[in-house]
Amino acid sequence: MVQDEPKGEVVATSAAPREKKLNFFARIALFIRQVFAELRKVVTPTRQELGKFTAVVLGFVVVMMAIVYGLDLLFVWVTSVVFGVPA
């Protein structure tokens, strides 16, 4: 790495060694190994945790539905007041 004088930015030099690019099949194999390594880190929730998470999500969805419904009623009322209801 070299520091560029006028702006103080750090830039890579062209002489810096680069990693050799793997071929197509080696990249796929590396990807699959990394996927399995990440899957080993996954922790499955207990039955109680799953119940809590489900309740939180359903509660949030109900609250958001109520907010959207309330806003819909408000906009219908404002529209009918502003533009009038045809008789």
Protein backbone atom coordinates (compact mmCIF):
# COMPACT_ATOMS: atom_id res chain seq x y z
CA MET A 1 0.00 0.00 0.00
CA VAL A 2 1.17 3.48 -0.84
CA GLN A 3 -0.21 6.77 0.46
CA ASP A 4 -1.14 9.24 -2.24
CA GLU A 5 0.36 12.64 -1.32
CA PRO A 6 -2.15 15.23 -2.62
CA LYS A 7 -5.31 13.78 -1.07
CA GLY A 8 -3.82 11.50 1.58
CA GLU A 9 -5.62 8.46 0.16
CA VAL A 10 -4.24 4.95 0.48
CA VAL A 11 -3.97 3.15 -2.85
CA ALA A 12 -2.70 -0.29 -3.82
CA THR A 13 0.53 -0.50 -5.74
CA SER A 14 0.68 -2.45 -8.96
CA ALA A 15 3.61 -4.51 -7.65
CA ALA A 16 1.56 -5.89 -4.74
CA PRO A 17 1.15 -9.67 -4.95
CA ARG A 18 -2.36 -10.82 -5.77
CA GLU A 19 -3.99 -14.08 -4.79
CA LYS A 20 -4.29 -16.63 -7.54
CA LYS A 21 -7.86 -16.89 -8.80
CA LEU A 22 -9.33 -20.37 -8.37
CA ASN A 23 -10.91 -22.14 -11.30
CA PHE A 24 -14.67 -22.49 -11.60
CA PHE A 25 -15.01 -25.88 -9.90
CA ALA A 26 -12.64 -24.95 -7.08
CA ARG A 27 -14.72 -21.83 -6.39
CA ILE A 28 -17.89 -23.93 -6.26
CA ALA A 29 -16.24 -26.41 -3.87
CA LEU A 30 -15.01 -23.54 -1.69
CA PHE A 31 -18.49 -22.03 -1.64
CA ILE A 32 -20.07 -25.34 -0.59
CA ARG A 33 -17.48 -25.79 2.18
CA GLN A 34 -18.22 -22.29 3.44
CA VAL A 35 -21.97 -22.96 3.36
CA PHE A 36 -21.54 -26.08 5.50
CA ALA A 37 -19.25 -24.18 7.88
CA GLU A 38 -21.93 -21.51 8.34
CA LEU A 39 -24.65 -24.13 8.80
CA ARG A 40 -22.65 -25.66 11.66
CA LYS A 41 -22.92 -22.30 13.46
CA VAL A 42 -26.74 -22.27 13.33
CA VAL A 43 -28.46 -22.77 16.67
CA THR A 44 -32.01 -24.10 16.50
CA PRO A 45 -34.42 -22.52 18.99
CA THR A 46 -36.08 -24.50 21.74
CA ARG A 47 -39.81 -25.12 21.70
CA GLN A 48 -40.38 -22.28 24.19
CA GLU A 49 -38.24 -19.85 22.20
CA LEU A 50 -40.05 -20.79 19.01
CA GLY A 51 -43.39 -20.12 20.69
CA LYS A 52 -42.19 -16.72 21.94
CA PHE A 53 -40.81 -15.75 18.54
CA THR A 54 -44.04 -16.79 16.82
CA ALA A 55 -46.13 -14.79 19.30
CA VAL A 56 -43.95 -11.70 18.80
CA VAL A 57 -44.22 -11.93 15.01
CA LEU A 58 -47.98 -12.47 15.08
CA GLY A 59 -48.41 -9.61 17.55
CA PHE A 60 -46.35 -7.30 15.35
CA VAL A 61 -48.38 -8.28 12.28
CA VAL A 62 -51.67 -7.60 14.11
CA VAL A 63 -50.43 -4.18 15.28
CA MET A 64 -49.28 -3.26 11.77
CA MET A 65 -52.61 -4.41 10.31
CA ALA A 66 -54.43 -2.18 12.82
CA ILE A 67 -52.27 0.80 11.89
CA VAL A 68 -52.83 0.28 8.16
CA TYR A 69 -56.57 -0.21 8.71
CA GLY A 70 -56.75 2.98 10.78
CA LEU A 71 -54.85 4.97 8.18
CA ASP A 72 -57.13 3.57 5.46
CA LEU A 73 -60.22 4.70 7.37
CA LEU A 74 -58.63 8.12 7.96
CA PHE A 75 -57.80 8.58 4.27
CA VAL A 76 -61.29 7.47 3.21
CA TRP A 77 -62.81 10.00 5.63
CA VAL A 78 -60.49 12.82 4.48
CA THR A 79 -61.21 12.01 0.83
CA SER A 80 -64.95 12.00 1.38
CA VAL A 81 -64.77 15.33 3.27
CA VAL A 82 -62.56 17.01 0.64
CA PHE A 83 -64.25 15.70 -2.51
CA GLY A 84 -67.74 14.94 -1.15
CA VAL A 85 -69.75 11.79 -1.59
CA PRO A 86 -71.90 11.66 -4.74
CA ALA A 87 -75.56 11.17 -3.90
